[in-house]
Amino acid sequence: IEVKKRVGLATLGQVLGYRFLYLREYTEISSVPLLIVCSQIDK
């Protein structure tokens, strides 16, 4: 879960990177749900 006041494309990249690293470390897990919580989205 990534929680930020304002979210942009960089935040999406962070979350995808976290997922990649997690799946590489824990090979017995096949999927990880991703969640971003924010109050504003940059356009």
Protein backbone atom coordinates (compact mmCIF):
# COMPACT_ATOMS: atom_id res chain seq x y z
CA ILE A 1 0.00 0.00 0.00
CA GLU A 2 1.39 3.39 -1.00
CA VAL A 3 -0.19 6.40 0.74
CA LYS A 4 0.54 9.91 -0.54
CA LYS A 5 -1.22 13.24 -0.59
CA ARG A 6 -0.55 13.79 -4.30
CA VAL A 7 0.08 10.99 -6.79
CA GLY A 8 1.79 11.14 -10.17
CA LEU A 9 3.35 8.73 -12.61
CA ALA A 10 6.40 8.30 -10.36
CA THR A 11 4.19 6.83 -7.63
CA LEU A 12 2.86 4.23 -10.05
CA GLY A 13 6.45 3.34 -10.91
CA GLN A 14 7.31 2.97 -7.22
CA VAL A 15 4.42 0.58 -6.60
CA LEU A 16 5.27 -1.52 -9.66
CA GLY A 17 8.90 -1.63 -8.50
CA TYR A 18 7.87 -2.77 -5.02
CA ARG A 19 5.78 -5.55 -6.59
CA PHE A 20 8.68 -6.68 -8.79
CA LEU A 21 11.10 -6.83 -5.85
CA TYR A 22 8.57 -8.61 -3.60
CA LEU A 23 7.83 -11.30 -6.19
CA ARG A 24 11.55 -11.78 -6.81
CA GLU A 25 12.18 -12.28 -3.07
CA TYR A 26 9.13 -14.47 -2.37
CA THR A 27 9.02 -16.83 -5.35
CA GLU A 28 6.26 -19.01 -3.86
CA ILE A 29 3.79 -16.11 -4.21
CA SER A 30 2.30 -15.65 -7.68
CA SER A 31 0.45 -12.34 -7.35
CA VAL A 32 0.46 -9.26 -5.13
CA PRO A 33 -2.45 -6.81 -4.98
CA LEU A 34 -1.37 -3.20 -5.49
CA LEU A 35 -3.05 -0.23 -3.79
CA ILE A 36 -2.44 3.52 -3.95
CA VAL A 37 -4.36 5.83 -1.59
CA CYS A 38 -4.31 9.57 -2.31
CA SER A 39 -6.34 12.77 -2.20
CA GLN A 40 -5.08 14.27 -5.51
CA ILE A 41 -3.86 12.88 -8.82
CA ASP A 42 -1.44 14.86 -11.01
CA LYS A 43 -2.43 15.08 -14.65
